[in-house]
Amino acid sequence: MPRIKVLPHAQICPNGAEFEVEQNANLCESLLKNGIKIEHACDMSAACTTCHVIVRKGFDGLDEMNDVEADLLDRAWGLEPDSRLSCQVKIEDEDLEVEIPKYTINHASENH
């Protein structure tokens, strides 16, 4: 089973986290199921950038992003070459290390 390592984030996950997920699981859903309260303002419909993550390890093992995701990421705060929308990431068989950026495009965090 693939392992997901979440780097520490001051508000969402101060101590970081690490957990196993089923193959083909959705990254955003997996984060939420494991107590990582990542924002997802569009309810994971690929219409915003609030679930933006930076994949520090395992990026090359992910499916290529589609044009919609690429266009949305252009609006994300803290965009990096290894950025993805977690709602669009299907976890294959490779472990991932992800960082949740300090900010999102939302000025007020919503509790989902």
PDB file of N, CA and C in Angstrom:
ATOM      1  N   MET A   1       0.834  -1.185   0.000  1.00  0.00           N
ATOM      2  CA  MET A   1       0.000   0.000   0.000  1.00  0.00           C
ATOM      3  C   MET A   1       0.880   1.250   0.000  1.00  0.00           C
ATOM      4  N   PRO A   2       0.516   2.220  -0.818  1.00  0.00           N
ATOM      5  CA  PRO A   2       1.305   3.454  -0.848  1.00  0.00           C
ATOM      6  C   PRO A   2       1.171   4.235   0.466  1.00  0.00           C
ATOM      7  N   ARG A   3       2.251   4.924   0.829  1.00  0.00           N
ATOM      8  CA  ARG A   3       2.263   5.761   2.027  1.00  0.00           C
ATOM      9  C   ARG A   3       2.262   7.223   1.613  1.00  0.00           C
ATOM     10  N   ILE A   4       1.522   8.020   2.367  1.00  0.00           N
ATOM     11  CA  ILE A   4       1.474   9.455   2.145  1.00  0.00           C
ATOM     12  C   ILE A   4       2.105  10.120   3.355  1.00  0.00           C
ATOM     13  N   LYS A   5       3.088  10.951   3.112  1.00  0.00           N
ATOM     14  CA  LYS A   5       3.700  11.749   4.174  1.00  0.00           C
ATOM     15  C   LYS A   5       3.303  13.196   3.925  1.00  0.00           C
ATOM     16  N   VAL A   6       2.709  13.816   4.948  1.00  0.00           N
ATOM     17  CA  VAL A   6       2.300  15.215   4.868  1.00  0.00           C
ATOM     18  C   VAL A   6       3.258  16.015   5.732  1.00  0.00           C
ATOM     19  N   LEU A   7       3.918  16.981   5.113  1.00  0.00           N
ATOM     20  CA  LEU A   7       4.855  17.819   5.855  1.00  0.00           C
ATOM     21  C   LEU A   7       4.078  18.751   6.788  1.00  0.00           C
ATOM     22  N   PRO A   8       4.690  19.186   7.890  1.00  0.00           N
ATOM     23  CA  PRO A   8       3.985  20.047   8.836  1.00  0.00           C
ATOM     24  C   PRO A   8       3.452  21.332   8.196  1.00  0.00           C
ATOM     25  N   HIS A   9       2.258  21.703   8.610  1.00  0.00           N
ATOM     26  CA  HIS A   9       1.602  22.948   8.200  1.00  0.00           C
ATOM     27  C   HIS A   9       1.079  23.578   9.488  1.00  0.00           C
ATOM     28  N   ALA A  10       1.379  24.844   9.720  1.00  0.00           N
ATOM     29  CA  ALA A  10       1.093  25.487  11.004  1.00  0.00           C
ATOM     30  C   ALA A  10      -0.352  25.316  11.475  1.00  0.00           C
ATOM     31  N   GLN A  11      -1.342  25.486  10.596  1.00  0.00           N
ATOM     32  CA  GLN A  11      -2.735  25.387  11.023  1.00  0.00           C
ATOM     33  C   GLN A  11      -3.360  24.015  10.767  1.00  0.00           C
ATOM     34  N   ILE A  12      -3.075  23.432   9.637  1.00  0.00           N
ATOM     35  CA  ILE A  12      -3.786  22.215   9.228  1.00  0.00           C
ATOM     36  C   ILE A  12      -3.207  20.946   9.844  1.00  0.00           C
ATOM     37  N   CYS A  13      -1.891  20.902   9.972  1.00  0.00           N
ATOM     38  CA  CYS A  13      -1.226  19.664  10.411  1.00  0.00           C
ATOM     39  C   CYS A  13       0.115  20.028  11.059  1.00  0.00           C
ATOM     40  N   PRO A  14       0.090  20.626  12.249  1.00  0.00           N
ATOM     41  CA  PRO A  14       1.324  21.156  12.850  1.00  0.00           C
ATOM     42  C   PRO A  14       2.465  20.147  13.017  1.00  0.00           C
ATOM     43  N   ASN A  15       2.143  18.892  13.241  1.00  0.00           N
ATOM     44  CA  ASN A  15       3.185  17.881  13.449  1.00  0.00           C
ATOM     45  C   ASN A  15       3.455  17.038  12.215  1.00  0.00           C
ATOM     46  N   GLY A  16       2.786  17.346  11.117  1.00  0.00           N
ATOM     47  CA  GLY A  16       2.896  16.492   9.945  1.00  0.00           C
ATOM     48  C   GLY A  16       2.098  15.211  10.184  1.00  0.00           C
ATOM     49  N   ALA A  17       2.097  14.348   9.208  1.00  0.00           N
ATOM     50  CA  ALA A  17       1.365  13.081   9.335  1.00  0.00           C
ATOM     51  C   ALA A  17       1.904  12.089   8.318  1.00  0.00           C
ATOM     52  N   GLU A  18       1.641  10.836   8.595  1.00  0.00           N
ATOM     53  CA  GLU A  18       2.011   9.780   7.656  1.00  0.00           C
ATOM     54  C   GLU A  18       0.992   8.658   7.787  1.00  0.00           C
ATOM     55  N   PHE A  19       0.523   8.158   6.638  1.00  0.00           N
ATOM     56  CA  PHE A  19      -0.492   7.114   6.655  1.00  0.00           C
ATOM     57  C   PHE A  19      -0.461   6.349   5.339  1.00  0.00           C
ATOM     58  N   GLU A  20      -1.053   5.151   5.364  1.00  0.00           N
ATOM     59  CA  GLU A  20      -1.166   4.323   4.170  1.00  0.00           C
ATOM     60  C   GLU A  20      -2.533   4.528   3.540  1.00  0.00           C
ATOM     61  N   VAL A  21      -2.586   4.373   2.215  1.00  0.00           N
ATOM     62  CA  VAL A  21      -3.849   4.489   1.490  1.00  0.00           C
ATOM     63  C   VAL A  21      -3.962   3.334   0.493  1.00  0.00           C
ATOM     64  N   GLU A  22      -5.165   3.102   0.065  1.00  0.00           N
ATOM     65  CA  GLU A  22      -5.396   2.102  -0.973  1.00  0.00           C
ATOM     66  C   GLU A  22      -4.886   2.633  -2.311  1.00  0.00           C
ATOM     67  N   GLN A  23      -4.420   1.744  -3.148  1.00  0.00           N
ATOM     68  CA  GLN A  23      -4.030   2.122  -4.498  1.00  0.00           C
ATOM     69  C   GLN A  23      -5.256   2.656  -5.239  1.00  0.00           C
ATOM     70  N   ASN A  24      -5.062   3.653  -6.083  1.00  0.00           N
ATOM     71  CA  ASN A  24      -6.098   4.341  -6.853  1.00  0.00           C
ATOM     72  C   ASN A  24      -6.978   5.276  -6.022  1.00  0.00           C
ATOM     73  N   ALA A  25      -6.584   5.530  -4.765  1.00  0.00           N
ATOM     74  CA  ALA A  25      -7.346   6.457  -3.929  1.00  0.00           C
ATOM     75  C   ALA A  25      -7.110   7.890  -4.411  1.00  0.00           C
ATOM     76  N   ASN A  26      -8.066   8.750  -4.122  1.00  0.00           N
ATOM     77  CA  ASN A  26      -7.955  10.175  -4.430  1.00  0.00           C
ATOM     78  C   ASN A  26      -7.176  10.835  -3.291  1.00  0.00           C
ATOM     79  N   LEU A  27      -6.222  11.703  -3.619  1.00  0.00           N
ATOM     80  CA  LEU A  27      -5.368  12.307  -2.603  1.00  0.00           C
ATOM     81  C   LEU A  27      -6.156  13.201  -1.652  1.00  0.00           C
ATOM     82  N   CYS A  28      -7.002  14.074  -2.168  1.00  0.00           N
ATOM     83  CA  CYS A  28      -7.767  14.976  -1.305  1.00  0.00           C
ATOM     84  C   CYS A  28      -8.657  14.181  -0.346  1.00  0.00           C
ATOM     85  N   GLU A  29      -9.375  13.207  -0.860  1.00  0.00           N
ATOM     86  CA  GLU A  29     -10.233  12.374  -0.015  1.00  0.00           C
ATOM     87  C   GLU A  29      -9.413  11.633   1.037  1.00  0.00           C
ATOM     88  N   SER A  30      -8.234  11.162   0.654  1.00  0.00           N
ATOM     89  CA  SER A  30      -7.373  10.437   1.590  1.00  0.00           C
ATOM     90  C   SER A  30      -6.877  11.353   2.704  1.00  0.00           C
ATOM     91  N   LEU A  31      -6.525  12.579   2.352  1.00  0.00           N
ATOM     92  CA  LEU A  31      -6.102  13.538   3.371  1.00  0.00           C
ATOM     93  C   LEU A  31      -7.230  13.779   4.365  1.00  0.00           C
ATOM     94  N   LEU A  32      -8.424  14.028   3.856  1.00  0.00           N
ATOM     95  CA  LEU A  32      -9.572  14.296   4.725  1.00  0.00           C
ATOM     96  C   LEU A  32      -9.900  13.096   5.620  1.00  0.00           C
ATOM     97  N   LYS A  33      -9.870  11.892   5.058  1.00  0.00           N
ATOM     98  CA  LYS A  33     -10.176  10.683   5.832  1.00  0.00           C
ATOM     99  C   LYS A  33      -9.165  10.447   6.950  1.00  0.00           C
ATOM    100  N   ASN A  34      -7.966  11.003   6.787  1.00  0.00           N
ATOM    101  CA  ASN A  34      -6.917  10.809   7.782  1.00  0.00           C
ATOM    102  C   ASN A  34      -6.698  12.046   8.654  1.00  0.00           C
ATOM    103  N   GLY A  35      -7.724  12.874   8.755  1.00  0.00           N
ATOM    104  CA  GLY A  35      -7.696  13.991   9.691  1.00  0.00           C
ATOM    105  C   GLY A  35      -6.974  15.240   9.227  1.00  0.00           C
ATOM    106  N   ILE A  36      -6.568  15.297   7.967  1.00  0.00           N
ATOM    107  CA  ILE A  36      -5.906  16.479   7.421  1.00  0.00           C
ATOM    108  C   ILE A  36      -7.001  17.330   6.783  1.00  0.00           C
ATOM    109  N   LYS A  37      -7.382  18.421   7.405  1.00  0.00           N
ATOM    110  CA  LYS A  37      -8.527  19.219   6.960  1.00  0.00           C
ATOM    111  C   LYS A  37      -8.130  20.227   5.884  1.00  0.00           C
ATOM    112  N   ILE A  38      -7.722  19.693   4.754  1.00  0.00           N
ATOM    113  CA  ILE A  38      -7.348  20.530   3.616  1.00  0.00           C
ATOM    114  C   ILE A  38      -8.601  21.194   3.050  1.00  0.00           C
ATOM    115  N   GLU A  39      -8.466  22.450   2.643  1.00  0.00           N
ATOM    116  CA  GLU A  39      -9.601  23.135   2.039  1.00  0.00           C
ATOM    117  C   GLU A  39      -9.967  22.472   0.712  1.00  0.00           C
ATOM    118  N   HIS A  40     -11.233  22.533   0.394  1.00  0.00           N
ATOM    119  CA  HIS A  40     -11.740  21.992  -0.883  1.00  0.00           C
ATOM    120  C   HIS A  40     -13.055  22.696  -1.191  1.00  0.00           C
ATOM    121  N   ALA A  41     -12.949  23.989  -1.438  1.00  0.00           N
ATOM    122  CA  ALA A  41     -14.123  24.866  -1.567  1.00  0.00           C
ATOM    123  C   ALA A  41     -15.082  24.448  -2.671  1.00  0.00           C
ATOM    124  N   CYS A  42     -14.587  23.845  -3.728  1.00  0.00           N
ATOM    125  CA  CYS A  42     -15.464  23.448  -4.842  1.00  0.00           C
ATOM    126  C   CYS A  42     -15.980  22.020  -4.673  1.00  0.00           C
ATOM    127  N   ASP A  43     -15.774  21.452  -3.489  1.00  0.00           N
ATOM    128  CA  ASP A  43     -16.217  20.090  -3.196  1.00  0.00           C
ATOM    129  C   ASP A  43     -15.581  19.081  -4.150  1.00  0.00           C
ATOM    130  N   MET A  44     -14.308  19.306  -4.457  1.00  0.00           N
ATOM    131  CA  MET A  44     -13.488  18.398  -5.263  1.00  0.00           C
ATOM    132  C   MET A  44     -13.971  18.243  -6.697  1.00  0.00           C
ATOM    133  N   SER A  45     -14.489  19.327  -7.277  1.00  0.00           N
ATOM    134  CA  SER A  45     -14.977  19.271  -8.659  1.00  0.00           C
ATOM    135  C   SER A  45     -14.023  19.935  -9.655  1.00  0.00           C
ATOM    136  N   ALA A  46     -12.799  20.219  -9.231  1.00  0.00           N
ATOM    137  CA  ALA A  46     -11.787  20.854 -10.087  1.00  0.00           C
ATOM    138  C   ALA A  46     -12.267  22.207 -10.603  1.00  0.00           C
ATOM    139  N   ALA A  47     -12.774  23.036  -9.685  1.00  0.00           N
ATOM    140  CA  ALA A  47     -13.241  24.366 -10.066  1.00  0.00           C
ATOM    141  C   ALA A  47     -12.556  25.473  -9.273  1.00  0.00           C
ATOM    142  N   CYS A  48     -11.640  25.123  -8.376  1.00  0.00           N
ATOM    143  CA  CYS A  48     -10.922  26.128  -7.591  1.00  0.00           C
ATOM    144  C   CYS A  48      -9.501  25.619  -7.354  1.00  0.00           C
ATOM    145  N   THR A  49      -8.760  26.286  -6.507  1.00  0.00           N
ATOM    146  CA  THR A  49      -7.397  25.829  -6.220  1.00  0.00           C
ATOM    147  C   THR A  49      -7.140  25.640  -4.735  1.00  0.00           C
ATOM    148  N   THR A  50      -8.195  25.566  -3.932  1.00  0.00           N
ATOM    149  CA  THR A  50      -7.993  25.527  -2.483  1.00  0.00           C
ATOM    150  C   THR A  50      -7.363  24.227  -1.983  1.00  0.00           C
ATOM    151  N   CYS A  51      -7.388  23.170  -2.767  1.00  0.00           N
ATOM    152  CA  CYS A  51      -6.773  21.903  -2.349  1.00  0.00           C
ATOM    153  C   CYS A  51      -5.379  21.718  -2.947  1.00  0.00           C
ATOM    154  N   HIS A  52      -4.783  22.812  -3.389  1.00  0.00           N
ATOM    155  CA  HIS A  52      -3.447  22.811  -3.983  1.00  0.00           C
ATOM    156  C   HIS A  52      -2.424  22.220  -3.009  1.00  0.00           C
ATOM    157  N   VAL A  53      -1.605  21.303  -3.506  1.00  0.00           N
ATOM    158  CA  VAL A  53      -0.480  20.751  -2.753  1.00  0.00           C
ATOM    159  C   VAL A  53       0.758  20.761  -3.635  1.00  0.00           C
ATOM    160  N   ILE A  54       1.899  20.685  -2.992  1.00  0.00           N
ATOM    161  CA  ILE A  54       3.164  20.547  -3.701  1.00  0.00           C
ATOM    162  C   ILE A  54       3.663  19.133  -3.408  1.00  0.00           C
ATOM    163  N   VAL A  55       3.886  18.368  -4.439  1.00  0.00           N
ATOM    164  CA  VAL A  55       4.325  16.980  -4.286  1.00  0.00           C
ATOM    165  C   VAL A  55       5.848  16.979  -4.249  1.00  0.00           C
ATOM    166  N   ARG A  56       6.389  16.860  -3.053  1.00  0.00           N
ATOM    167  CA  ARG A  56       7.841  16.920  -2.858  1.00  0.00           C
ATOM    168  C   ARG A  56       8.534  15.623  -3.267  1.00  0.00           C
ATOM    169  N   LYS A  57       7.868  14.500  -3.118  1.00  0.00           N
ATOM    170  CA  LYS A  57       8.425  13.206  -3.542  1.00  0.00           C
ATOM    171  C   LYS A  57       7.304  12.393  -4.173  1.00  0.00           C
ATOM    172  N   GLY A  58       7.612  11.757  -5.294  1.00  0.00           N
ATOM    173  CA  GLY A  58       6.655  10.895  -5.972  1.00  0.00           C
ATOM    174  C   GLY A  58       5.915  11.567  -7.118  1.00  0.00           C
ATOM    175  N   PHE A  59       6.244  12.806  -7.448  1.00  0.00           N
ATOM    176  CA  PHE A  59       5.534  13.545  -8.492  1.00  0.00           C
ATOM    177  C   PHE A  59       5.592  12.830  -9.839  1.00  0.00           C
ATOM    178  N   ASP A  60       6.751  12.302 -10.184  1.00  0.00           N
ATOM    179  CA  ASP A  60       6.915  11.671 -11.500  1.00  0.00           C
ATOM    180  C   ASP A  60       6.097  10.391 -11.660  1.00  0.00           C
ATOM    181  N   GLY A  61       5.631   9.814 -10.550  1.00  0.00           N
ATOM    182  CA  GLY A  61       4.825   8.606 -10.619  1.00  0.00           C
ATOM    183  C   GLY A  61       3.337   8.871 -10.771  1.00  0.00           C
ATOM    184  N   LEU A  62       2.946  10.147 -10.813  1.00  0.00           N
ATOM    185  CA  LEU A  62       1.527  10.502 -10.941  1.00  0.00           C
ATOM    186  C   LEU A  62       1.118  10.614 -12.397  1.00  0.00           C
ATOM    187  N   ASP A  63      -0.174  10.411 -12.655  1.00  0.00           N
ATOM    188  CA  ASP A  63      -0.711  10.658 -13.994  1.00  0.00           C
ATOM    189  C   ASP A  63      -0.490  12.117 -14.354  1.00  0.00           C
ATOM    190  N   GLU A  64      -0.363  12.380 -15.624  1.00  0.00           N
ATOM    191  CA  GLU A  64      -0.205  13.747 -16.092  1.00  0.00           C
ATOM    192  C   GLU A  64      -1.488  14.524 -15.844  1.00  0.00           C
ATOM    193  N   MET A  65      -1.339  15.797 -15.486  1.00  0.00           N
ATOM    194  CA  MET A  65      -2.538  16.609 -15.246  1.00  0.00           C
ATOM    195  C   MET A  65      -3.191  16.991 -16.562  1.00  0.00           C
ATOM    196  N   ASN A  66      -4.499  17.225 -16.505  1.00  0.00           N
ATOM    197  CA  ASN A  66      -5.212  17.647 -17.709  1.00  0.00           C
ATOM    198  C   ASN A  66      -5.164  19.173 -17.839  1.00  0.00           C
ATOM    199  N   ASP A  67      -5.698  19.690 -18.918  1.00  0.00           N
ATOM    200  CA  ASP A  67      -5.637  21.132 -19.189  1.00  0.00           C
ATOM    201  C   ASP A  67      -6.421  21.951 -18.174  1.00  0.00           C
ATOM    202  N   VAL A  68      -7.534  21.440 -17.695  1.00  0.00           N
ATOM    203  CA  VAL A  68      -8.346  22.169 -16.709  1.00  0.00           C
ATOM    204  C   VAL A  68      -7.543  22.371 -15.423  1.00  0.00           C
ATOM    205  N   GLU A  69      -6.917  21.306 -14.940  1.00  0.00           N
ATOM    206  CA  GLU A  69      -6.106  21.408 -13.728  1.00  0.00           C
ATOM    207  C   GLU A  69      -4.938  22.364 -13.938  1.00  0.00           C
ATOM    208  N   ALA A  70      -4.278  22.271 -15.065  1.00  0.00           N
ATOM    209  CA  ALA A  70      -3.138  23.159 -15.352  1.00  0.00           C
ATOM    210  C   ALA A  70      -3.567  24.624 -15.373  1.00  0.00           C
ATOM    211  N   ASP A  71      -4.715  24.911 -15.983  1.00  0.00           N
ATOM    212  CA  ASP A  71      -5.221  26.284 -16.027  1.00  0.00           C
ATOM    213  C   ASP A  71      -5.566  26.795 -14.634  1.00  0.00           C
ATOM    214  N   LEU A  72      -6.192  25.958 -13.823  1.00  0.00           N
ATOM    215  CA  LEU A  72      -6.540  26.363 -12.463  1.00  0.00           C
ATOM    216  C   LEU A  72      -5.293  26.616 -11.626  1.00  0.00           C
ATOM    217  N   LEU A  73      -4.304  25.774 -11.776  1.00  0.00           N
ATOM    218  CA  LEU A  73      -3.091  25.931 -10.978  1.00  0.00           C
ATOM    219  C   LEU A  73      -2.391  27.257 -11.249  1.00  0.00           C
ATOM    220  N   ASP A  74      -2.588  27.825 -12.420  1.00  0.00           N
ATOM    221  CA  ASP A  74      -1.996  29.133 -12.716  1.00  0.00           C
ATOM    222  C   ASP A  74      -2.464  30.194 -11.731  1.00  0.00           C
ATOM    223  N   ARG A  75      -3.598  29.974 -11.068  1.00  0.00           N
ATOM    224  CA  ARG A  75      -4.132  30.937 -10.097  1.00  0.00           C
ATOM    225  C   ARG A  75      -3.774  30.602  -8.658  1.00  0.00           C
ATOM    226  N   ALA A  76      -3.114  29.496  -8.431  1.00  0.00           N
ATOM    227  CA  ALA A  76      -2.818  29.045  -7.064  1.00  0.00           C
ATOM    228  C   ALA A  76      -1.699  29.873  -6.423  1.00  0.00           C
ATOM    229  N   TRP A  77      -1.842  30.100  -5.132  1.00  0.00           N
ATOM    230  CA  TRP A  77      -0.805  30.797  -4.381  1.00  0.00           C
ATOM    231  C   TRP A  77       0.368  29.840  -4.197  1.00  0.00           C
ATOM    232  N   GLY A  78       1.593  30.324  -4.405  1.00  0.00           N
ATOM    233  CA  GLY A  78       2.785  29.507  -4.162  1.00  0.00           C
ATOM    234  C   GLY A  78       3.006  28.401  -5.171  1.00  0.00           C
ATOM    235  N   LEU A  79       2.573  28.612  -6.400  1.00  0.00           N
ATOM    236  CA  LEU A  79       2.705  27.599  -7.450  1.00  0.00           C
ATOM    237  C   LEU A  79       4.166  27.208  -7.652  1.00  0.00           C
ATOM    238  N   GLU A  80       4.404  25.914  -7.768  1.00  0.00           N
ATOM    239  CA  GLU A  80       5.741  25.368  -8.031  1.00  0.00           C
ATOM    240  C   GLU A  80       5.624  24.339  -9.152  1.00  0.00           C
ATOM    241  N   PRO A  81       6.746  23.962  -9.753  1.00  0.00           N
ATOM    242  CA  PRO A  81       6.682  22.981 -10.853  1.00  0.00           C
ATOM    243  C   PRO A  81       6.026  21.655 -10.467  1.00  0.00           C
ATOM    244  N   ASP A  82       6.082  21.286  -9.186  1.00  0.00           N
ATOM    245  CA  ASP A  82       5.507  20.021  -8.733  1.00  0.00           C
ATOM    246  C   ASP A  82       4.175  20.218  -8.012  1.00  0.00           C
ATOM    247  N   SER A  83       3.455  21.293  -8.351  1.00  0.00           N
ATOM    248  CA  SER A  83       2.144  21.561  -7.762  1.00  0.00           C
ATOM    249  C   SER A  83       1.072  20.723  -8.439  1.00  0.00           C
ATOM    250  N   ARG A  84       0.085  20.332  -7.650  1.00  0.00           N
ATOM    251  CA  ARG A  84      -1.094  19.615  -8.161  1.00  0.00           C
ATOM    252  C   ARG A  84      -2.300  20.014  -7.332  1.00  0.00           C
ATOM    253  N   LEU A  85      -3.478  19.816  -7.893  1.00  0.00           N
ATOM    254  CA  LEU A  85      -4.703  19.917  -7.121  1.00  0.00           C
ATOM    255  C   LEU A  85      -4.934  18.536  -6.530  1.00  0.00           C
ATOM    256  N   SER A  86      -4.992  18.451  -5.216  1.00  0.00           N
ATOM    257  CA  SER A  86      -5.088  17.133  -4.587  1.00  0.00           C
ATOM    258  C   SER A  86      -6.367  16.399  -4.984  1.00  0.00           C
ATOM    259  N   CYS A  87      -7.419  17.152  -5.354  1.00  0.00           N
ATOM    260  CA  CYS A  87      -8.669  16.493  -5.762  1.00  0.00           C
ATOM    261  C   CYS A  87      -8.541  15.796  -7.109  1.00  0.00           C
ATOM    262  N   GLN A  88      -7.475  16.082  -7.837  1.00  0.00           N
ATOM    263  CA  GLN A  88      -7.286  15.486  -9.159  1.00  0.00           C
ATOM    264  C   GLN A  88      -6.194  14.409  -9.183  1.00  0.00           C
ATOM    265  N   VAL A  89      -5.586  14.153  -8.029  1.00  0.00           N
ATOM    266  CA  VAL A  89      -4.489  13.183  -7.953  1.00  0.00           C
ATOM    267  C   VAL A  89      -5.012  11.813  -7.560  1.00  0.00           C
ATOM    268  N   LYS A  90      -4.763  10.852  -8.427  1.00  0.00           N
ATOM    269  CA  LYS A  90      -5.060   9.448  -8.137  1.00  0.00           C
ATOM    270  C   LYS A  90      -3.746   8.814  -7.702  1.00  0.00           C
ATOM    271  N   ILE A  91      -3.733   8.252  -6.515  1.00  0.00           N
ATOM    272  CA  ILE A  91      -2.517   7.661  -5.958  1.00  0.00           C
ATOM    273  C   ILE A  91      -2.321   6.282  -6.574  1.00  0.00           C
ATOM    274  N   GLU A  92      -1.215   6.113  -7.238  1.00  0.00           N
ATOM    275  CA  GLU A  92      -0.923   4.819  -7.866  1.00  0.00           C
ATOM    276  C   GLU A  92      -0.251   3.916  -6.833  1.00  0.00           C
ATOM    277  N   ASP A  93       0.947   3.426  -7.118  1.00  0.00           N
ATOM    278  CA  ASP A  93       1.624   2.528  -6.188  1.00  0.00           C
ATOM    279  C   ASP A  93       2.870   3.148  -5.567  1.00  0.00           C
ATOM    280  N   GLU A  94       3.128   4.411  -5.855  1.00  0.00           N
ATOM    281  CA  GLU A  94       4.317   5.081  -5.343  1.00  0.00           C
ATOM    282  C   GLU A  94       3.977   5.926  -4.117  1.00  0.00           C
ATOM    283  N   ASP A  95       4.875   5.911  -3.120  1.00  0.00           N
ATOM    284  CA  ASP A  95       4.700   6.748  -1.941  1.00  0.00           C
ATOM    285  C   ASP A  95       4.788   8.216  -2.346  1.00  0.00           C
ATOM    286  N   LEU A  96       4.069   9.073  -1.613  1.00  0.00           N
ATOM    287  CA  LEU A  96       4.092  10.505  -1.878  1.00  0.00           C
ATOM    288  C   LEU A  96       4.465  11.271  -0.623  1.00  0.00           C
ATOM    289  N   GLU A  97       5.166  12.370  -0.826  1.00  0.00           N
ATOM    290  CA  GLU A  97       5.406  13.333   0.233  1.00  0.00           C
ATOM    291  C   GLU A  97       4.820  14.648  -0.263  1.00  0.00           C
ATOM    292  N   VAL A  98       3.878  15.207   0.492  1.00  0.00           N
ATOM    293  CA  VAL A  98       3.201  16.421   0.044  1.00  0.00           C
ATOM    294  C   VAL A  98       3.338  17.538   1.067  1.00  0.00           C
ATOM    295  N   GLU A  99       3.342  18.743   0.534  1.00  0.00           N
ATOM    296  CA  GLU A  99       3.355  19.943   1.357  1.00  0.00           C
ATOM    297  C   GLU A  99       2.105  20.742   1.017  1.00  0.00           C
ATOM    298  N   ILE A 100       1.401  21.179   2.033  1.00  0.00           N
ATOM    299  CA  ILE A 100       0.238  22.032   1.839  1.00  0.00           C
ATOM    300  C   ILE A 100       0.736  23.464   1.940  1.00  0.00           C
ATOM    301  N   PRO A 101       0.535  24.278   0.901  1.00  0.00           N
ATOM    302  CA  PRO A 101       1.031  25.659   0.949  1.00  0.00           C
ATOM    303  C   PRO A 101       0.440  26.433   2.126  1.00  0.00           C
ATOM    304  N   LYS A 102       1.163  27.456   2.539  1.00  0.00           N
ATOM    305  CA  LYS A 102       0.752  28.261   3.689  1.00  0.00           C
ATOM    306  C   LYS A 102      -0.593  28.943   3.457  1.00  0.00           C
ATOM    307  N   TYR A 103      -0.850  29.374   2.228  1.00  0.00           N
ATOM    308  CA  TYR A 103      -2.081  30.105   1.919  1.00  0.00           C
ATOM    309  C   TYR A 103      -2.824  29.455   0.758  1.00  0.00           C
ATOM    310  N   THR A 104      -4.102  29.814   0.642  1.00  0.00           N
ATOM    311  CA  THR A 104      -4.896  29.463  -0.539  1.00  0.00           C
ATOM    312  C   THR A 104      -5.467  30.751  -1.095  1.00  0.00           C
ATOM    313  N   ILE A 105      -6.202  30.665  -2.198  1.00  0.00           N
ATOM    314  CA  ILE A 105      -6.819  31.863  -2.739  1.00  0.00           C
ATOM    315  C   ILE A 105      -7.971  32.343  -1.874  1.00  0.00           C
ATOM    316  N   ASN A 106      -8.459  31.519  -0.971  1.00  0.00           N
ATOM    317  CA  ASN A 106      -9.506  31.936  -0.018  1.00  0.00           C
ATOM    318  C   ASN A 106      -8.859  32.782   1.065  1.00  0.00           C
ATOM    319  N   HIS A 107      -9.444  33.924   1.367  1.00  0.00           N
ATOM    320  CA  HIS A 107      -8.921  34.743   2.451  1.00  0.00           C
ATOM    321  C   HIS A 107      -9.431  34.241   3.791  1.00  0.00           C
ATOM    322  N   ALA A 108     -10.614  33.683   3.803  1.00  0.00           N
ATOM    323  CA  ALA A 108     -11.196  33.143   5.023  1.00  0.00           C
ATOM    324  C   ALA A 108     -11.306  31.628   4.872  1.00  0.00           C
ATOM    325  N   SER A 109     -10.730  30.932   5.786  1.00  0.00           N
ATOM    326  CA  SER A 109     -10.790  29.473   5.735  1.00  0.00           C
ATOM    327  C   SER A 109     -12.191  29.013   6.088  1.00  0.00           C
ATOM    328  N   GLU A 110     -12.682  28.045   5.338  1.00  0.00           N
ATOM    329  CA  GLU A 110     -13.994  27.470   5.592  1.00  0.00           C
ATOM    330  C   GLU A 110     -13.810  26.095   6.222  1.00  0.00           C
ATOM    331  N   ASN A 111     -14.587  25.803   7.214  1.00  0.00           N
ATOM    332  CA  ASN A 111     -14.494  24.490   7.848  1.00  0.00           C
ATOM    333  C   ASN A 111     -15.402  23.513   7.122  1.00  0.00           C
ATOM    334  N   HIS A 112     -14.800  22.622   6.315  1.00  0.00           N
ATOM    335  CA  HIS A 112     -15.568  21.611   5.571  1.00  0.00           C
ATOM    336  C   HIS A 112     -15.524  20.312   6.322  1.00  0.00           C
TER     337      HIS A 112
END
